Each structure stands twice: as C-alpha cells, then as structure tokens.
PDB file of N, CA and C in Angstrom:
ATOM      1  N   MET A   1       4.220   7.649  -1.618  1.00  0.00           N
ATOM      2  CA  MET A   1       5.392   8.490  -1.741  1.00  0.00           C
ATOM      3  C   MET A   1       5.184   9.447  -2.903  1.00  0.00           C
ATOM      4  N   GLY A   2       5.512  10.686  -2.717  1.00  0.00           N
ATOM      5  CA  GLY A   2       5.370  11.678  -3.767  1.00  0.00           C
ATOM      6  C   GLY A   2       6.508  11.607  -4.756  1.00  0.00           C
ATOM      7  N   VAL A   3       6.306  12.224  -5.902  1.00  0.00           N
ATOM      8  CA  VAL A   3       7.318  12.234  -6.946  1.00  0.00           C
ATOM      9  C   VAL A   3       8.607  12.871  -6.434  1.00  0.00           C
ATOM     10  N   GLU A   4       8.503  13.957  -5.686  1.00  0.00           N
ATOM     11  CA  GLU A   4       9.683  14.667  -5.211  1.00  0.00           C
ATOM     12  C   GLU A   4      10.446  13.888  -4.151  1.00  0.00           C
ATOM     13  N   LYS A   5       9.771  13.027  -3.422  1.00  0.00           N
ATOM     14  CA  LYS A   5      10.400  12.308  -2.321  1.00  0.00           C
ATOM     15  C   LYS A   5      11.079  11.011  -2.746  1.00  0.00           C
ATOM     16  N   ALA A   6      10.887  10.582  -3.954  1.00  0.00           N
ATOM     17  CA  ALA A   6      11.497   9.336  -4.404  1.00  0.00           C
ATOM     18  C   ALA A   6      13.019   9.496  -4.411  1.00  0.00           C
ATOM     19  N   PRO A   7      13.738   8.536  -3.839  1.00  0.00           N
ATOM     20  CA  PRO A   7      15.184   8.679  -3.706  1.00  0.00           C
ATOM     21  C   PRO A   7      15.978   8.489  -5.009  1.00  0.00           C
ATOM     22  N   THR A   8      15.411   7.831  -5.988  1.00  0.00           N
ATOM     23  CA  THR A   8      16.141   7.573  -7.235  1.00  0.00           C
ATOM     24  C   THR A   8      15.352   8.091  -8.434  1.00  0.00           C
ATOM     25  N   ALA A   9      16.047   8.243  -9.543  1.00  0.00           N
ATOM     26  CA  ALA A   9      15.386   8.689 -10.778  1.00  0.00           C
ATOM     27  C   ALA A   9      14.356   7.664 -11.228  1.00  0.00           C
ATOM     28  N   LYS A  10      14.682   6.392 -11.069  1.00  0.00           N
ATOM     29  CA  LYS A  10      13.751   5.331 -11.450  1.00  0.00           C
ATOM     30  C   LYS A  10      12.489   5.391 -10.582  1.00  0.00           C
ATOM     31  N   GLY A  11      12.668   5.701  -9.311  1.00  0.00           N
ATOM     32  CA  GLY A  11      11.536   5.832  -8.400  1.00  0.00           C
ATOM     33  C   GLY A  11      10.654   7.012  -8.762  1.00  0.00           C
ATOM     34  N   LYS A  12      11.287   8.123  -9.156  1.00  0.00           N
ATOM     35  CA  LYS A  12      10.528   9.303  -9.561  1.00  0.00           C
ATOM     36  C   LYS A  12       9.720   9.019 -10.817  1.00  0.00           C
ATOM     37  N   GLN A  13      10.332   8.309 -11.750  1.00  0.00           N
ATOM     38  CA  GLN A  13       9.642   7.953 -12.997  1.00  0.00           C
ATOM     39  C   GLN A  13       8.461   7.032 -12.689  1.00  0.00           C
ATOM     40  N   SER A  14       8.670   6.084 -11.819  1.00  0.00           N
ATOM     41  CA  SER A  14       7.610   5.158 -11.434  1.00  0.00           C
ATOM     42  C   SER A  14       6.462   5.894 -10.749  1.00  0.00           C
ATOM     43  N   SER A  15       6.803   6.844  -9.891  1.00  0.00           N
ATOM     44  CA  SER A  15       5.791   7.618  -9.188  1.00  0.00           C
ATOM     45  C   SER A  15       4.955   8.452 -10.155  1.00  0.00           C
ATOM     46  N   ARG A  16       5.609   9.065 -11.141  1.00  0.00           N
ATOM     47  CA  ARG A  16       4.872   9.842 -12.144  1.00  0.00           C
ATOM     48  C   ARG A  16       3.894   8.946 -12.901  1.00  0.00           C
ATOM     49  N   GLY A  17       4.377   7.760 -13.272  1.00  0.00           N
ATOM     50  CA  GLY A  17       3.517   6.821 -13.991  1.00  0.00           C
ATOM     51  C   GLY A  17       2.314   6.409 -13.167  1.00  0.00           C
ATOM     52  N   LEU A  18       2.528   6.181 -11.885  1.00  0.00           N
ATOM     53  CA  LEU A  18       1.437   5.799 -10.991  1.00  0.00           C
ATOM     54  C   LEU A  18       0.409   6.917 -10.874  1.00  0.00           C
ATOM     55  N   HIS A  19       0.881   8.154 -10.738  1.00  0.00           N
ATOM     56  CA  HIS A  19      -0.025   9.299 -10.645  1.00  0.00           C
ATOM     57  C   HIS A  19      -0.848   9.449 -11.929  1.00  0.00           C
ATOM     58  N   LYS A  20      -0.212   9.305 -13.070  1.00  0.00           N
ATOM     59  CA  LYS A  20      -0.929   9.422 -14.349  1.00  0.00           C
ATOM     60  C   LYS A  20      -1.955   8.313 -14.492  1.00  0.00           C
ATOM     61  N   SER A  21      -1.567   7.105 -14.105  1.00  0.00           N
ATOM     62  CA  SER A  21      -2.477   5.963 -14.195  1.00  0.00           C
ATOM     63  C   SER A  21      -3.690   6.154 -13.285  1.00  0.00           C
ATOM     64  N   ALA A  22      -3.445   6.634 -12.078  1.00  0.00           N
ATOM     65  CA  ALA A  22      -4.541   6.856 -11.127  1.00  0.00           C
ATOM     66  C   ALA A  22      -5.492   7.942 -11.637  1.00  0.00           C
ATOM     67  N   ALA A  23      -4.939   9.004 -12.216  1.00  0.00           N
ATOM     68  CA  ALA A  23      -5.777  10.080 -12.747  1.00  0.00           C
ATOM     69  C   ALA A  23      -6.625   9.576 -13.912  1.00  0.00           C
ATOM     70  N   LYS A  24      -6.031   8.763 -14.759  1.00  0.00           N
ATOM     71  CA  LYS A  24      -6.749   8.199 -15.902  1.00  0.00           C
ATOM     72  C   LYS A  24      -7.893   7.302 -15.424  1.00  0.00           C
ATOM     73  N   GLU A  25      -7.608   6.470 -14.439  1.00  0.00           N
ATOM     74  CA  GLU A  25      -8.624   5.572 -13.889  1.00  0.00           C
ATOM     75  C   GLU A  25      -9.754   6.368 -13.229  1.00  0.00           C
ATOM     76  N   GLU A  26      -9.396   7.438 -12.509  1.00  0.00           N
ATOM     77  CA  GLU A  26     -10.413   8.262 -11.852  1.00  0.00           C
ATOM     78  C   GLU A  26     -11.333   8.916 -12.884  1.00  0.00           C
ATOM     79  N   LYS A  27     -10.766   9.415 -13.967  1.00  0.00           N
ATOM     80  CA  LYS A  27     -11.594  10.025 -15.018  1.00  0.00           C
ATOM     81  C   LYS A  27     -12.532   8.991 -15.633  1.00  0.00           C
ATOM     82  N   LYS A  28     -12.034   7.781 -15.812  1.00  0.00           N
ATOM     83  CA  LYS A  28     -12.846   6.701 -16.386  1.00  0.00           C
ATOM     84  C   LYS A  28     -14.030   6.371 -15.467  1.00  0.00           C
ATOM     85  N   VAL A  29     -13.754   6.262 -14.175  1.00  0.00           N
ATOM     86  CA  VAL A  29     -14.805   5.943 -13.202  1.00  0.00           C
ATOM     87  C   VAL A  29     -15.825   7.082 -13.127  1.00  0.00           C
ATOM     88  N   GLU A  30     -15.338   8.327 -13.132  1.00  0.00           N
ATOM     89  CA  GLU A  30     -16.252   9.469 -13.091  1.00  0.00           C
ATOM     90  C   GLU A  30     -17.143   9.504 -14.322  1.00  0.00           C
ATOM     91  N   ALA A  31     -16.596   9.148 -15.490  1.00  0.00           N
ATOM     92  CA  ALA A  31     -17.392   9.127 -16.720  1.00  0.00           C
ATOM     93  C   ALA A  31     -18.472   8.048 -16.638  1.00  0.00           C
ATOM     94  N   GLN A  32     -18.125   6.878 -16.099  1.00  0.00           N
ATOM     95  CA  GLN A  32     -19.099   5.796 -15.956  1.00  0.00           C
ATOM     96  C   GLN A  32     -20.175   6.165 -14.944  1.00  0.00           C
ATOM     97  N   LYS A  33     -19.750   6.789 -13.856  1.00  0.00           N
ATOM     98  CA  LYS A  33     -20.675   7.156 -12.783  1.00  0.00           C
ATOM     99  C   LYS A  33     -21.580   8.312 -13.205  1.00  0.00           C
ATOM    100  N   GLY A  34     -21.055   9.206 -14.049  1.00  0.00           N
ATOM    101  CA  GLY A  34     -21.836  10.352 -14.485  1.00  0.00           C
ATOM    102  C   GLY A  34     -21.668  11.576 -13.611  1.00  0.00           C
ATOM    103  N   SER A  35     -20.818  11.481 -12.604  1.00  0.00           N
ATOM    104  CA  SER A  35     -20.538  12.630 -11.748  1.00  0.00           C
ATOM    105  C   SER A  35     -19.136  12.476 -11.174  1.00  0.00           C
ATOM    106  N   ASP A  36     -18.615  13.566 -10.620  1.00  0.00           N
ATOM    107  CA  ASP A  36     -17.282  13.530 -10.031  1.00  0.00           C
ATOM    108  C   ASP A  36     -17.276  12.696  -8.762  1.00  0.00           C
ATOM    109  N   LEU A  37     -16.127  12.098  -8.491  1.00  0.00           N
ATOM    110  CA  LEU A  37     -15.945  11.395  -7.228  1.00  0.00           C
ATOM    111  C   LEU A  37     -15.716  12.416  -6.125  1.00  0.00           C
ATOM    112  N   ALA A  38     -16.112  12.067  -4.912  1.00  0.00           N
ATOM    113  CA  ALA A  38     -15.897  12.958  -3.776  1.00  0.00           C
ATOM    114  C   ALA A  38     -14.401  13.113  -3.538  1.00  0.00           C
ATOM    115  N   LYS A  39     -13.992  14.278  -3.068  1.00  0.00           N
ATOM    116  CA  LYS A  39     -12.587  14.561  -2.801  1.00  0.00           C
ATOM    117  C   LYS A  39     -12.393  14.895  -1.325  1.00  0.00           C
ATOM    118  N   GLY A  40     -11.200  14.673  -0.821  1.00  0.00           N
ATOM    119  CA  GLY A  40     -10.829  15.048   0.541  1.00  0.00           C
ATOM    120  C   GLY A  40     -11.644  14.343   1.613  1.00  0.00           C
ATOM    121  N   ALA A  41     -12.111  15.107   2.577  1.00  0.00           N
ATOM    122  CA  ALA A  41     -12.847  14.548   3.718  1.00  0.00           C
ATOM    123  C   ALA A  41     -14.145  13.885   3.266  1.00  0.00           C
ATOM    124  N   ASP A  42     -14.793  14.433   2.244  1.00  0.00           N
ATOM    125  CA  ASP A  42     -16.026  13.825   1.726  1.00  0.00           C
ATOM    126  C   ASP A  42     -15.745  12.433   1.190  1.00  0.00           C
ATOM    127  N   ARG A  43     -14.604  12.281   0.535  1.00  0.00           N
ATOM    128  CA  ARG A  43     -14.234  10.978  -0.018  1.00  0.00           C
ATOM    129  C   ARG A  43     -14.007   9.980   1.114  1.00  0.00           C
ATOM    130  N   PHE A  44     -13.348  10.420   2.182  1.00  0.00           N
ATOM    131  CA  PHE A  44     -13.104   9.548   3.323  1.00  0.00           C
ATOM    132  C   PHE A  44     -14.424   9.082   3.928  1.00  0.00           C
ATOM    133  N   ASP A  45     -15.344  10.007   4.119  1.00  0.00           N
ATOM    134  CA  ASP A  45     -16.647   9.659   4.692  1.00  0.00           C
ATOM    135  C   ASP A  45     -17.407   8.706   3.782  1.00  0.00           C
ATOM    136  N   GLU A  46     -17.337   8.953   2.476  1.00  0.00           N
ATOM    137  CA  GLU A  46     -18.037   8.101   1.514  1.00  0.00           C
ATOM    138  C   GLU A  46     -17.494   6.674   1.556  1.00  0.00           C
ATOM    139  N   ARG A  47     -16.171   6.544   1.648  1.00  0.00           N
ATOM    140  CA  ARG A  47     -15.543   5.224   1.636  1.00  0.00           C
ATOM    141  C   ARG A  47     -15.681   4.496   2.964  1.00  0.00           C
ATOM    142  N   SER A  48     -15.871   5.239   4.056  1.00  0.00           N
ATOM    143  CA  SER A  48     -15.920   4.606   5.366  1.00  0.00           C
ATOM    144  C   SER A  48     -17.282   3.995   5.668  1.00  0.00           C
ATOM    145  N   LYS A  49     -18.285   4.299   4.863  1.00  0.00           N
ATOM    146  CA  LYS A  49     -19.605   3.706   5.076  1.00  0.00           C
ATOM    147  C   LYS A  49     -19.684   2.355   4.370  1.00  0.00           C
ATOM    148  N   SER A  50     -20.319   1.423   5.003  1.00  0.00           N
ATOM    149  CA  SER A  50     -20.463   0.106   4.403  1.00  0.00           C
ATOM    150  C   SER A  50     -21.711   0.059   3.528  1.00  0.00           C
ATOM    151  N   SER A  51     -21.978  -1.079   2.975  1.00  0.00           N
ATOM    152  CA  SER A  51     -23.097  -1.214   2.042  1.00  0.00           C
ATOM    153  C   SER A  51     -24.455  -0.948   2.686  1.00  0.00           C
ATOM    154  N   ASP A  52     -24.550  -1.093   4.000  1.00  0.00           N
ATOM    155  CA  ASP A  52     -25.825  -0.826   4.662  1.00  0.00           C
ATOM    156  C   ASP A  52     -25.974   0.650   5.051  1.00  0.00           C
ATOM    157  N   GLY A  53     -24.968   1.477   4.709  1.00  0.00           N
ATOM    158  CA  GLY A  53     -25.064   2.909   4.951  1.00  0.00           C
ATOM    159  C   GLY A  53     -24.615   3.354   6.325  1.00  0.00           C
ATOM    160  N   ARG A  54     -24.204   2.422   7.154  1.00  0.00           N
ATOM    161  CA  ARG A  54     -23.743   2.776   8.495  1.00  0.00           C
ATOM    162  C   ARG A  54     -22.222   2.824   8.520  1.00  0.00           C
ATOM    163  N   SER A  55     -21.672   3.717   9.295  1.00  0.00           N
ATOM    164  CA  SER A  55     -20.217   3.796   9.417  1.00  0.00           C
ATOM    165  C   SER A  55     -19.735   2.716  10.381  1.00  0.00           C
ATOM    166  N   ALA A  56     -18.457   2.435  10.320  1.00  0.00           N
ATOM    167  CA  ALA A  56     -17.880   1.404  11.186  1.00  0.00           C
ATOM    168  C   ALA A  56     -18.045   1.776  12.652  1.00  0.00           C
ATOM    169  N   GLY A  57     -17.899   3.052  12.979  1.00  0.00           N
ATOM    170  CA  GLY A  57     -18.032   3.501  14.364  1.00  0.00           C
ATOM    171  C   GLY A  57     -19.415   3.258  14.941  1.00  0.00           C
ATOM    172  N   SER A  58     -20.449   3.390  14.120  1.00  0.00           N
ATOM    173  CA  SER A  58     -21.810   3.201  14.617  1.00  0.00           C
ATOM    174  C   SER A  58     -22.136   1.726  14.834  1.00  0.00           C
ATOM    175  N   LYS A  59     -21.347   0.831  14.262  1.00  0.00           N
ATOM    176  CA  LYS A  59     -21.590  -0.605  14.408  1.00  0.00           C
ATOM    177  C   LYS A  59     -20.886  -1.201  15.624  1.00  0.00           C
ATOM    178  N   GLN A  60     -19.900  -0.498  16.171  1.00  0.00           N
ATOM    179  CA  GLN A  60     -19.138  -1.039  17.274  1.00  0.00           C
ATOM    180  C   GLN A  60     -19.955  -1.017  18.557  1.00  0.00           C
ATOM    181  N   LYS A  61     -19.718  -2.029  19.365  1.00  0.00           N
ATOM    182  CA  LYS A  61     -20.407  -2.122  20.644  1.00  0.00           C
ATOM    183  C   LYS A  61     -19.789  -1.119  21.613  1.00  0.00           C
ATOM    184  N   PRO A  62     -20.599  -0.495  22.438  1.00  0.00           N
ATOM    185  CA  PRO A  62     -20.046   0.475  23.403  1.00  0.00           C
ATOM    186  C   PRO A  62     -19.199  -0.225  24.454  1.00  0.00           C
ATOM    187  N   ASN A  63     -18.192   0.479  24.973  1.00  0.00           N
ATOM    188  CA  ASN A  63     -17.351  -0.069  26.036  1.00  0.00           C
ATOM    189  C   ASN A  63     -18.163  -0.153  27.312  1.00  0.00           C
ATOM    190  N   ARG A  64     -17.883  -1.176  28.068  1.00  0.00           N
ATOM    191  CA  ARG A  64     -18.610  -1.350  29.350  1.00  0.00           C
ATOM    192  C   ARG A  64     -17.751  -1.030  30.496  1.00  0.00           C
TER     193      ARG A  64
END
C-alpha cells in the first residue's frame, strides 16, 4: 500500500517508515555487494532465477 492510499494518519506514518527502512536496507545491500541492485523488470528476472541459473518456467514439465 502506498503512503497516499493509507486510510488513516497512523497508516500513512507507518507506510513512510516502511519506505525509509526499505531504502536504507537497499543502500546497505548495494554497499556490501559493490554495485546497484537491479530495478524493475531486470530485478524480477534476477529474482525469478534459482541458484542453478534456470528460471522456474524452464524447469516445468511440458503439458501432454
């Protein structure tokens, strides 16, 4: 839920805190990694691959 969509003031405050926390964590991870994390569609593709480098779709058995 976005900050603007939160129905109460407490919800908006909580949402802002979550966004700040996530941004802080992302900067920390990027500093440890030494490069920026992928964004948007690249990030989705990066996360959808498993440890063996294959995507979930390539592992599924074809329909018969």
